[in-house]
Amino acid sequence: MRRRRPRPGDKWHLDEVQLKINGRKHWLWRAVGQDGMVLDILVQERRNQEAAETFLRRLVDGSGYQPRVVITDQLASYPPALRHVLPRTEHRRTRD
């Protein structure tokens, strides 16, 4: 029997980093809860609004609930994706 993971906090941090796999650029999208627990990761070839929406939908489906606050970097793809997928969630941007 699988142990049930504790529910992560209501504040999520989202970030992406560039990777090279077989000489091609890819993006590693990562979501971390307020307690430092990795919620989900996803590797994609794109870094646009559609890719951000895909990651957010996968994240919400996997966790089973929506956060109160999402903290992101300055990537312009996050605000429209968050408005589509998580319209009632507060969005904060950092300079990091």
PDB file of N, CA and C in Angstrom:
ATOM      1  N   MET A   1       0.834  -1.169   0.000  1.00  0.00           N
ATOM      2  CA  MET A   1       0.000   0.000   0.000  1.00  0.00           C
ATOM      3  C   MET A   1       0.888   1.245   0.000  1.00  0.00           C
ATOM      4  N   ARG A   2       0.546   2.202  -0.873  1.00  0.00           N
ATOM      5  CA  ARG A   2       1.324   3.431  -0.950  1.00  0.00           C
ATOM      6  C   ARG A   2       0.982   4.361   0.196  1.00  0.00           C
ATOM      7  N   ARG A   3       2.003   4.998   0.715  1.00  0.00           N
ATOM      8  CA  ARG A   3       1.768   5.986   1.759  1.00  0.00           C
ATOM      9  C   ARG A   3       1.254   7.262   1.112  1.00  0.00           C
ATOM     10  N   ARG A   4       0.358   7.902   1.773  1.00  0.00           N
ATOM     11  CA  ARG A   4      -0.200   9.148   1.259  1.00  0.00           C
ATOM     12  C   ARG A   4       0.731  10.291   1.611  1.00  0.00           C
ATOM     13  N   ARG A   5       1.095  11.092   0.583  1.00  0.00           N
ATOM     14  CA  ARG A   5       1.970  12.227   0.822  1.00  0.00           C
ATOM     15  C   ARG A   5       1.202  13.318   1.550  1.00  0.00           C
ATOM     16  N   PRO A   6       1.884  14.058   2.411  1.00  0.00           N
ATOM     17  CA  PRO A   6       1.196  15.177   3.059  1.00  0.00           C
ATOM     18  C   PRO A   6       0.860  16.250   2.042  1.00  0.00           C
ATOM     19  N   ARG A   7      -0.210  16.958   2.274  1.00  0.00           N
ATOM     20  CA  ARG A   7      -0.633  18.007   1.358  1.00  0.00           C
ATOM     21  C   ARG A   7       0.339  19.181   1.436  1.00  0.00           C
ATOM     22  N   PRO A   8       0.843  19.643   0.279  1.00  0.00           N
ATOM     23  CA  PRO A   8       1.771  20.771   0.304  1.00  0.00           C
ATOM     24  C   PRO A   8       1.051  22.051   0.715  1.00  0.00           C
ATOM     25  N   GLY A   9       1.827  23.070   1.063  1.00  0.00           N
ATOM     26  CA  GLY A   9       1.255  24.333   1.495  1.00  0.00           C
ATOM     27  C   GLY A   9       0.496  25.046   0.390  1.00  0.00           C
ATOM     28  N   ASP A  10      -0.067  26.202   0.720  1.00  0.00           N
ATOM     29  CA  ASP A  10      -0.879  26.942  -0.250  1.00  0.00           C
ATOM     30  C   ASP A  10      -0.075  27.976  -1.029  1.00  0.00           C
ATOM     31  N   LYS A  11       1.247  27.924  -0.925  1.00  0.00           N
ATOM     32  CA  LYS A  11       2.113  28.834  -1.674  1.00  0.00           C
ATOM     33  C   LYS A  11       3.084  28.000  -2.511  1.00  0.00           C
ATOM     34  N   TRP A  12       3.026  28.175  -3.829  1.00  0.00           N
ATOM     35  CA  TRP A  12       3.880  27.419  -4.736  1.00  0.00           C
ATOM     36  C   TRP A  12       4.881  28.343  -5.412  1.00  0.00           C
ATOM     37  N   HIS A  13       6.115  27.855  -5.605  1.00  0.00           N
ATOM     38  CA  HIS A  13       7.156  28.570  -6.324  1.00  0.00           C
ATOM     39  C   HIS A  13       7.398  27.825  -7.639  1.00  0.00           C
ATOM     40  N   LEU A  14       7.313  28.535  -8.766  1.00  0.00           N
ATOM     41  CA  LEU A  14       7.529  27.933 -10.078  1.00  0.00           C
ATOM     42  C   LEU A  14       8.778  28.519 -10.704  1.00  0.00           C
ATOM     43  N   ASP A  15       9.541  27.674 -11.390  1.00  0.00           N
ATOM     44  CA  ASP A  15      10.752  28.133 -12.055  1.00  0.00           C
ATOM     45  C   ASP A  15      11.063  27.198 -13.211  1.00  0.00           C
ATOM     46  N   GLU A  16      11.877  27.676 -14.113  1.00  0.00           N
ATOM     47  CA  GLU A  16      12.300  26.862 -15.239  1.00  0.00           C
ATOM     48  C   GLU A  16      13.785  27.114 -15.473  1.00  0.00           C
ATOM     49  N   VAL A  17      14.462  26.088 -15.990  1.00  0.00           N
ATOM     50  CA  VAL A  17      15.899  26.185 -16.264  1.00  0.00           C
ATOM     51  C   VAL A  17      16.171  25.484 -17.589  1.00  0.00           C
ATOM     52  N   GLN A  18      17.148  26.017 -18.315  1.00  0.00           N
ATOM     53  CA  GLN A  18      17.478  25.465 -19.624  1.00  0.00           C
ATOM     54  C   GLN A  18      18.445  24.292 -19.481  1.00  0.00           C
ATOM     55  N   LEU A  19      18.188  23.233 -20.251  1.00  0.00           N
ATOM     56  CA  LEU A  19      19.037  22.048 -20.286  1.00  0.00           C
ATOM     57  C   LEU A  19      19.404  21.755 -21.734  1.00  0.00           C
ATOM     58  N   LYS A  20      20.479  21.033 -21.932  1.00  0.00           N
ATOM     59  CA  LYS A  20      20.795  20.520 -23.259  1.00  0.00           C
ATOM     60  C   LYS A  20      20.765  19.004 -23.177  1.00  0.00           C
ATOM     61  N   ILE A  21      19.931  18.414 -24.010  1.00  0.00           N
ATOM     62  CA  ILE A  21      19.816  16.966 -24.083  1.00  0.00           C
ATOM     63  C   ILE A  21      20.112  16.573 -25.514  1.00  0.00           C
ATOM     64  N   ASN A  22      21.156  15.799 -25.712  1.00  0.00           N
ATOM     65  CA  ASN A  22      21.615  15.419 -27.050  1.00  0.00           C
ATOM     66  C   ASN A  22      21.835  16.639 -27.939  1.00  0.00           C
ATOM     67  N   GLY A  23      22.372  17.704 -27.373  1.00  0.00           N
ATOM     68  CA  GLY A  23      22.687  18.906 -28.131  1.00  0.00           C
ATOM     69  C   GLY A  23      21.507  19.813 -28.421  1.00  0.00           C
ATOM     70  N   ARG A  24      20.318  19.467 -27.953  1.00  0.00           N
ATOM     71  CA  ARG A  24      19.126  20.293 -28.206  1.00  0.00           C
ATOM     72  C   ARG A  24      18.672  20.941 -26.911  1.00  0.00           C
ATOM     73  N   LYS A  25      18.192  22.194 -27.024  1.00  0.00           N
ATOM     74  CA  LYS A  25      17.722  22.918 -25.848  1.00  0.00           C
ATOM     75  C   LYS A  25      16.372  22.383 -25.386  1.00  0.00           C
ATOM     76  N   HIS A  26      16.264  22.192 -24.086  1.00  0.00           N
ATOM     77  CA  HIS A  26      15.019  21.802 -23.442  1.00  0.00           C
ATOM     78  C   HIS A  26      14.863  22.662 -22.194  1.00  0.00           C
ATOM     79  N   TRP A  27      13.657  22.690 -21.662  1.00  0.00           N
ATOM     80  CA  TRP A  27      13.376  23.457 -20.445  1.00  0.00           C
ATOM     81  C   TRP A  27      12.847  22.533 -19.373  1.00  0.00           C
ATOM     82  N   LEU A  28      13.448  22.610 -18.198  1.00  0.00           N
ATOM     83  CA  LEU A  28      13.006  21.854 -17.034  1.00  0.00           C
ATOM     84  C   LEU A  28      12.135  22.789 -16.199  1.00  0.00           C
ATOM     85  N   TRP A  29      10.845  22.493 -16.125  1.00  0.00           N
ATOM     86  CA  TRP A  29       9.895  23.270 -15.331  1.00  0.00           C
ATOM     87  C   TRP A  29       9.787  22.578 -13.978  1.00  0.00           C
ATOM     88  N   ARG A  30       9.823  23.368 -12.901  1.00  0.00           N
ATOM     89  CA  ARG A  30       9.781  22.789 -11.565  1.00  0.00           C
ATOM     90  C   ARG A  30       8.876  23.607 -10.666  1.00  0.00           C
ATOM     91  N   ALA A  31       8.114  22.919  -9.838  1.00  0.00           N
ATOM     92  CA  ALA A  31       7.251  23.562  -8.841  1.00  0.00           C
ATOM     93  C   ALA A  31       7.647  23.053  -7.468  1.00  0.00           C
ATOM     94  N   VAL A  32       7.806  24.000  -6.526  1.00  0.00           N
ATOM     95  CA  VAL A  32       8.212  23.670  -5.168  1.00  0.00           C
ATOM     96  C   VAL A  32       7.197  24.274  -4.210  1.00  0.00           C
ATOM     97  N   GLY A  33       6.796  23.522  -3.207  1.00  0.00           N
ATOM     98  CA  GLY A  33       5.878  24.013  -2.195  1.00  0.00           C
ATOM     99  C   GLY A  33       6.582  24.930  -1.216  1.00  0.00           C
ATOM    100  N   GLN A  34       5.827  25.574  -0.361  1.00  0.00           N
ATOM    101  CA  GLN A  34       6.401  26.532   0.578  1.00  0.00           C
ATOM    102  C   GLN A  34       7.339  25.883   1.592  1.00  0.00           C
ATOM    103  N   ASP A  35       7.229  24.583   1.781  1.00  0.00           N
ATOM    104  CA  ASP A  35       8.097  23.869   2.715  1.00  0.00           C
ATOM    105  C   ASP A  35       9.304  23.245   2.033  1.00  0.00           C
ATOM    106  N   GLY A  36       9.494  23.508   0.736  1.00  0.00           N
ATOM    107  CA  GLY A  36      10.646  22.989   0.013  1.00  0.00           C
ATOM    108  C   GLY A  36      10.426  21.643  -0.648  1.00  0.00           C
ATOM    109  N   MET A  37       9.219  21.109  -0.576  1.00  0.00           N
ATOM    110  CA  MET A  37       8.920  19.823  -1.196  1.00  0.00           C
ATOM    111  C   MET A  37       8.673  20.029  -2.699  1.00  0.00           C
ATOM    112  N   VAL A  38       9.367  19.257  -3.531  1.00  0.00           N
ATOM    113  CA  VAL A  38       9.172  19.350  -4.975  1.00  0.00           C
ATOM    114  C   VAL A  38       7.814  18.752  -5.311  1.00  0.00           C
ATOM    115  N   LEU A  39       6.964  19.572  -5.932  1.00  0.00           N
ATOM    116  CA  LEU A  39       5.610  19.130  -6.262  1.00  0.00           C
ATOM    117  C   LEU A  39       5.561  18.405  -7.596  1.00  0.00           C
ATOM    118  N   ASP A  40       6.307  18.912  -8.587  1.00  0.00           N
ATOM    119  CA  ASP A  40       6.302  18.296  -9.908  1.00  0.00           C
ATOM    120  C   ASP A  40       7.430  18.871 -10.733  1.00  0.00           C
ATOM    121  N   ILE A  41       7.919  18.087 -11.699  1.00  0.00           N
ATOM    122  CA  ILE A  41       8.878  18.564 -12.683  1.00  0.00           C
ATOM    123  C   ILE A  41       8.421  18.081 -14.051  1.00  0.00           C
ATOM    124  N   LEU A  42       8.806  18.834 -15.074  1.00  0.00           N
ATOM    125  CA  LEU A  42       8.427  18.482 -16.436  1.00  0.00           C
ATOM    126  C   LEU A  42       9.488  19.025 -17.377  1.00  0.00           C
ATOM    127  N   VAL A  43       9.929  18.226 -18.335  1.00  0.00           N
ATOM    128  CA  VAL A  43      10.899  18.658 -19.337  1.00  0.00           C
ATOM    129  C   VAL A  43      10.156  18.834 -20.650  1.00  0.00           C
ATOM    130  N   GLN A  44      10.307  20.035 -21.247  1.00  0.00           N
ATOM    131  CA  GLN A  44       9.653  20.347 -22.520  1.00  0.00           C
ATOM    132  C   GLN A  44      10.638  21.078 -23.432  1.00  0.00           C
ATOM    133  N   GLU A  45      10.356  21.070 -24.709  1.00  0.00           N
ATOM    134  CA  GLU A  45      11.198  21.791 -25.666  1.00  0.00           C
ATOM    135  C   GLU A  45      10.787  23.248 -25.802  1.00  0.00           C
ATOM    136  N   ARG A  46       9.640  23.606 -25.250  1.00  0.00           N
ATOM    137  CA  ARG A  46       9.124  24.969 -25.404  1.00  0.00           C
ATOM    138  C   ARG A  46       9.181  25.731 -24.088  1.00  0.00           C
ATOM    139  N   ARG A  47       9.160  27.062 -24.223  1.00  0.00           N
ATOM    140  CA  ARG A  47       9.111  27.942 -23.051  1.00  0.00           C
ATOM    141  C   ARG A  47       8.173  29.091 -23.389  1.00  0.00           C
ATOM    142  N   ASN A  48       6.906  28.761 -23.619  1.00  0.00           N
ATOM    143  CA  ASN A  48       5.913  29.760 -23.995  1.00  0.00           C
ATOM    144  C   ASN A  48       4.657  29.575 -23.142  1.00  0.00           C
ATOM    145  N   GLN A  49       3.616  30.329 -23.477  1.00  0.00           N
ATOM    146  CA  GLN A  49       2.388  30.267 -22.691  1.00  0.00           C
ATOM    147  C   GLN A  49       1.771  28.870 -22.717  1.00  0.00           C
ATOM    148  N   GLU A  50       1.773  28.241 -23.852  1.00  0.00           N
ATOM    149  CA  GLU A  50       1.195  26.896 -23.964  1.00  0.00           C
ATOM    150  C   GLU A  50       1.947  25.900 -23.073  1.00  0.00           C
ATOM    151  N   ALA A  51       3.268  25.997 -23.045  1.00  0.00           N
ATOM    152  CA  ALA A  51       4.069  25.116 -22.196  1.00  0.00           C
ATOM    153  C   ALA A  51       3.793  25.392 -20.720  1.00  0.00           C
ATOM    154  N   ALA A  52       3.658  26.668 -20.362  1.00  0.00           N
ATOM    155  CA  ALA A  52       3.358  27.024 -18.971  1.00  0.00           C
ATOM    156  C   ALA A  52       1.984  26.505 -18.567  1.00  0.00           C
ATOM    157  N   GLU A  53       0.987  26.621 -19.450  1.00  0.00           N
ATOM    158  CA  GLU A  53      -0.354  26.110 -19.155  1.00  0.00           C
ATOM    159  C   GLU A  53      -0.340  24.596 -18.989  1.00  0.00           C
ATOM    160  N   THR A  54       0.410  23.906 -19.837  1.00  0.00           N
ATOM    161  CA  THR A  54       0.520  22.448 -19.731  1.00  0.00           C
ATOM    162  C   THR A  54       1.085  22.052 -18.383  1.00  0.00           C
ATOM    163  N   PHE A  55       2.138  22.737 -17.965  1.00  0.00           N
ATOM    164  CA  PHE A  55       2.758  22.429 -16.675  1.00  0.00           C
ATOM    165  C   PHE A  55       1.805  22.727 -15.520  1.00  0.00           C
ATOM    166  N   LEU A  56       1.114  23.856 -15.566  1.00  0.00           N
ATOM    167  CA  LEU A  56       0.188  24.214 -14.494  1.00  0.00           C
ATOM    168  C   LEU A  56      -0.977  23.226 -14.393  1.00  0.00           C
ATOM    169  N   ARG A  57      -1.534  22.815 -15.528  1.00  0.00           N
ATOM    170  CA  ARG A  57      -2.635  21.837 -15.505  1.00  0.00           C
ATOM    171  C   ARG A  57      -2.181  20.516 -14.909  1.00  0.00           C
ATOM    172  N   ARG A  58      -0.997  20.091 -15.307  1.00  0.00           N
ATOM    173  CA  ARG A  58      -0.449  18.836 -14.781  1.00  0.00           C
ATOM    174  C   ARG A  58      -0.222  18.951 -13.276  1.00  0.00           C
ATOM    175  N   LEU A  59       0.248  20.092 -12.840  1.00  0.00           N
ATOM    176  CA  LEU A  59       0.511  20.324 -11.425  1.00  0.00           C
ATOM    177  C   LEU A  59      -0.763  20.317 -10.597  1.00  0.00           C
ATOM    178  N   VAL A  60      -1.800  21.008 -11.080  1.00  0.00           N
ATOM    179  CA  VAL A  60      -3.080  21.059 -10.361  1.00  0.00           C
ATOM    180  C   VAL A  60      -3.740  19.686 -10.344  1.00  0.00           C
ATOM    181  N   ASP A  61      -3.705  18.977 -11.462  1.00  0.00           N
ATOM    182  CA  ASP A  61      -4.289  17.629 -11.510  1.00  0.00           C
ATOM    183  C   ASP A  61      -3.570  16.681 -10.560  1.00  0.00           C
ATOM    184  N   GLY A  62      -2.259  16.795 -10.457  1.00  0.00           N
ATOM    185  CA  GLY A  62      -1.489  15.911  -9.591  1.00  0.00           C
ATOM    186  C   GLY A  62      -1.681  16.194  -8.110  1.00  0.00           C
ATOM    187  N   SER A  63      -1.844  17.463  -7.759  1.00  0.00           N
ATOM    188  CA  SER A  63      -1.976  17.807  -6.345  1.00  0.00           C
ATOM    189  C   SER A  63      -3.419  17.734  -5.877  1.00  0.00           C
ATOM    190  N   GLY A  64      -4.368  17.934  -6.775  1.00  0.00           N
ATOM    191  CA  GLY A  64      -5.774  17.833  -6.413  1.00  0.00           C
ATOM    192  C   GLY A  64      -6.387  19.095  -5.841  1.00  0.00           C
ATOM    193  N   TYR A  65      -5.637  20.182  -5.794  1.00  0.00           N
ATOM    194  CA  TYR A  65      -6.194  21.441  -5.308  1.00  0.00           C
ATOM    195  C   TYR A  65      -5.422  22.612  -5.913  1.00  0.00           C
ATOM    196  N   GLN A  66      -5.928  23.821  -5.705  1.00  0.00           N
ATOM    197  CA  GLN A  66      -5.294  25.021  -6.239  1.00  0.00           C
ATOM    198  C   GLN A  66      -4.650  25.811  -5.109  1.00  0.00           C
ATOM    199  N   PRO A  67      -3.483  26.399  -5.357  1.00  0.00           N
ATOM    200  CA  PRO A  67      -2.809  27.161  -4.312  1.00  0.00           C
ATOM    201  C   PRO A  67      -3.452  28.534  -4.122  1.00  0.00           C
ATOM    202  N   ARG A  68      -3.122  29.169  -3.010  1.00  0.00           N
ATOM    203  CA  ARG A  68      -3.583  30.532  -2.752  1.00  0.00           C
ATOM    204  C   ARG A  68      -2.680  31.536  -3.466  1.00  0.00           C
ATOM    205  N   VAL A  69      -1.350  31.265  -3.497  1.00  0.00           N
ATOM    206  CA  VAL A  69      -0.358  32.161  -4.079  1.00  0.00           C
ATOM    207  C   VAL A  69       0.601  31.358  -4.940  1.00  0.00           C
ATOM    208  N   VAL A  70       0.951  31.902  -6.114  1.00  0.00           N
ATOM    209  CA  VAL A  70       1.986  31.317  -6.972  1.00  0.00           C
ATOM    210  C   VAL A  70       3.058  32.379  -7.164  1.00  0.00           C
ATOM    211  N   ILE A  71       4.302  32.009  -6.890  1.00  0.00           N
ATOM    212  CA  ILE A  71       5.434  32.926  -7.026  1.00  0.00           C
ATOM    213  C   ILE A  71       6.277  32.453  -8.200  1.00  0.00           C
ATOM    214  N   THR A  72       6.523  33.356  -9.162  1.00  0.00           N
ATOM    215  CA  THR A  72       7.275  33.015 -10.364  1.00  0.00           C
ATOM    216  C   THR A  72       8.392  34.030 -10.582  1.00  0.00           C
ATOM    217  N   ASP A  73       9.212  33.751 -11.595  1.00  0.00           N
ATOM    218  CA  ASP A  73      10.203  34.730 -12.014  1.00  0.00           C
ATOM    219  C   ASP A  73       9.562  35.681 -13.024  1.00  0.00           C
ATOM    220  N   GLN A  74      10.347  36.402 -13.785  1.00  0.00           N
ATOM    221  CA  GLN A  74       9.837  37.430 -14.688  1.00  0.00           C
ATOM    222  C   GLN A  74       9.409  36.904 -16.069  1.00  0.00           C
ATOM    223  N   LEU A  75       9.334  35.602 -16.257  1.00  0.00           N
ATOM    224  CA  LEU A  75       8.938  35.045 -17.550  1.00  0.00           C
ATOM    225  C   LEU A  75       7.545  35.537 -17.938  1.00  0.00           C
ATOM    226  N   ALA A  76       7.428  36.113 -19.115  1.00  0.00           N
ATOM    227  CA  ALA A  76       6.169  36.715 -19.565  1.00  0.00           C
ATOM    228  C   ALA A  76       5.078  35.686 -19.846  1.00  0.00           C
ATOM    229  N   SER A  77       5.416  34.438 -19.948  1.00  0.00           N
ATOM    230  CA  SER A  77       4.425  33.395 -20.230  1.00  0.00           C
ATOM    231  C   SER A  77       3.581  33.032 -19.007  1.00  0.00           C
ATOM    232  N   TYR A  78       4.064  33.320 -17.821  1.00  0.00           N
ATOM    233  CA  TYR A  78       3.333  32.929 -16.616  1.00  0.00           C
ATOM    234  C   TYR A  78       2.016  33.676 -16.398  1.00  0.00           C
ATOM    235  N   PRO A  79       1.967  35.022 -16.480  1.00  0.00           N
ATOM    236  CA  PRO A  79       0.696  35.707 -16.175  1.00  0.00           C
ATOM    237  C   PRO A  79      -0.498  35.245 -17.014  1.00  0.00           C
ATOM    238  N   PRO A  80      -0.389  35.156 -18.351  1.00  0.00           N
ATOM    239  CA  PRO A  80      -1.572  34.678 -19.085  1.00  0.00           C
ATOM    240  C   PRO A  80      -1.905  33.220 -18.799  1.00  0.00           C
ATOM    241  N   ALA A  81      -0.891  32.391 -18.584  1.00  0.00           N
ATOM    242  CA  ALA A  81      -1.147  30.979 -18.272  1.00  0.00           C
ATOM    243  C   ALA A  81      -1.848  30.850 -16.924  1.00  0.00           C
ATOM    244  N   LEU A  82      -1.433  31.633 -15.952  1.00  0.00           N
ATOM    245  CA  LEU A  82      -2.075  31.593 -14.638  1.00  0.00           C
ATOM    246  C   LEU A  82      -3.505  32.108 -14.698  1.00  0.00           C
ATOM    247  N   ARG A  83      -3.763  33.118 -15.509  1.00  0.00           N
ATOM    248  CA  ARG A  83      -5.141  33.620 -15.659  1.00  0.00           C
ATOM    249  C   ARG A  83      -6.048  32.560 -16.262  1.00  0.00           C
ATOM    250  N   HIS A  84      -5.531  31.733 -17.166  1.00  0.00           N
ATOM    251  CA  HIS A  84      -6.339  30.686 -17.798  1.00  0.00           C
ATOM    252  C   HIS A  84      -6.544  29.488 -16.881  1.00  0.00           C
ATOM    253  N   VAL A  85      -5.479  29.027 -16.240  1.00  0.00           N
ATOM    254  CA  VAL A  85      -5.539  27.781 -15.479  1.00  0.00           C
ATOM    255  C   VAL A  85      -5.951  28.013 -14.025  1.00  0.00           C
ATOM    256  N   LEU A  86      -5.433  29.074 -13.389  1.00  0.00           N
ATOM    257  CA  LEU A  86      -5.701  29.351 -11.973  1.00  0.00           C
ATOM    258  C   LEU A  86      -6.201  30.788 -11.813  1.00  0.00           C
ATOM    259  N   PRO A  87      -7.415  31.083 -12.258  1.00  0.00           N
ATOM    260  CA  PRO A  87      -7.875  32.485 -12.267  1.00  0.00           C
ATOM    261  C   PRO A  87      -8.057  33.109 -10.885  1.00  0.00           C
ATOM    262  N   ARG A  88      -8.285  32.323  -9.843  1.00  0.00           N
ATOM    263  CA  ARG A  88      -8.507  32.887  -8.503  1.00  0.00           C
ATOM    264  C   ARG A  88      -7.247  32.892  -7.652  1.00  0.00           C
ATOM    265  N   THR A  89      -6.114  32.534  -8.235  1.00  0.00           N
ATOM    266  CA  THR A  89      -4.861  32.450  -7.501  1.00  0.00           C
ATOM    267  C   THR A  89      -4.080  33.753  -7.627  1.00  0.00           C
ATOM    268  N   GLU A  90      -3.548  34.214  -6.508  1.00  0.00           N
ATOM    269  CA  GLU A  90      -2.718  35.432  -6.516  1.00  0.00           C
ATOM    270  C   GLU A  90      -1.363  35.098  -7.147  1.00  0.00           C
ATOM    271  N   HIS A  91      -0.877  36.019  -8.006  1.00  0.00           N
ATOM    272  CA  HIS A  91       0.395  35.814  -8.686  1.00  0.00           C
ATOM    273  C   HIS A  91       1.395  36.869  -8.206  1.00  0.00           C
ATOM    274  N   ARG A  92       2.541  36.415  -7.736  1.00  0.00           N
ATOM    275  CA  ARG A  92       3.628  37.315  -7.341  1.00  0.00           C
ATOM    276  C   ARG A  92       4.843  37.010  -8.195  1.00  0.00           C
ATOM    277  N   ARG A  93       5.542  38.066  -8.620  1.00  0.00           N
ATOM    278  CA  ARG A  93       6.733  37.907  -9.439  1.00  0.00           C
ATOM    279  C   ARG A  93       7.967  38.375  -8.670  1.00  0.00           C
ATOM    280  N   THR A  94       9.066  37.650  -8.819  1.00  0.00           N
ATOM    281  CA  THR A  94      10.320  38.032  -8.190  1.00  0.00           C
ATOM    282  C   THR A  94      11.357  38.331  -9.255  1.00  0.00           C
ATOM    283  N   ARG A  95      12.436  38.950  -8.877  1.00  0.00           N
ATOM    284  CA  ARG A  95      13.501  39.305  -9.826  1.00  0.00           C
ATOM    285  C   ARG A  95      14.537  38.224  -9.987  1.00  0.00           C
ATOM    286  N   ASP A  96      14.516  37.197  -9.178  1.00  0.00           N
ATOM    287  CA  ASP A  96      15.577  36.171  -9.205  1.00  0.00           C
ATOM    288  C   ASP A  96      15.718  35.504 -10.524  1.00  0.00           C
TER     289      ASP A  96
END
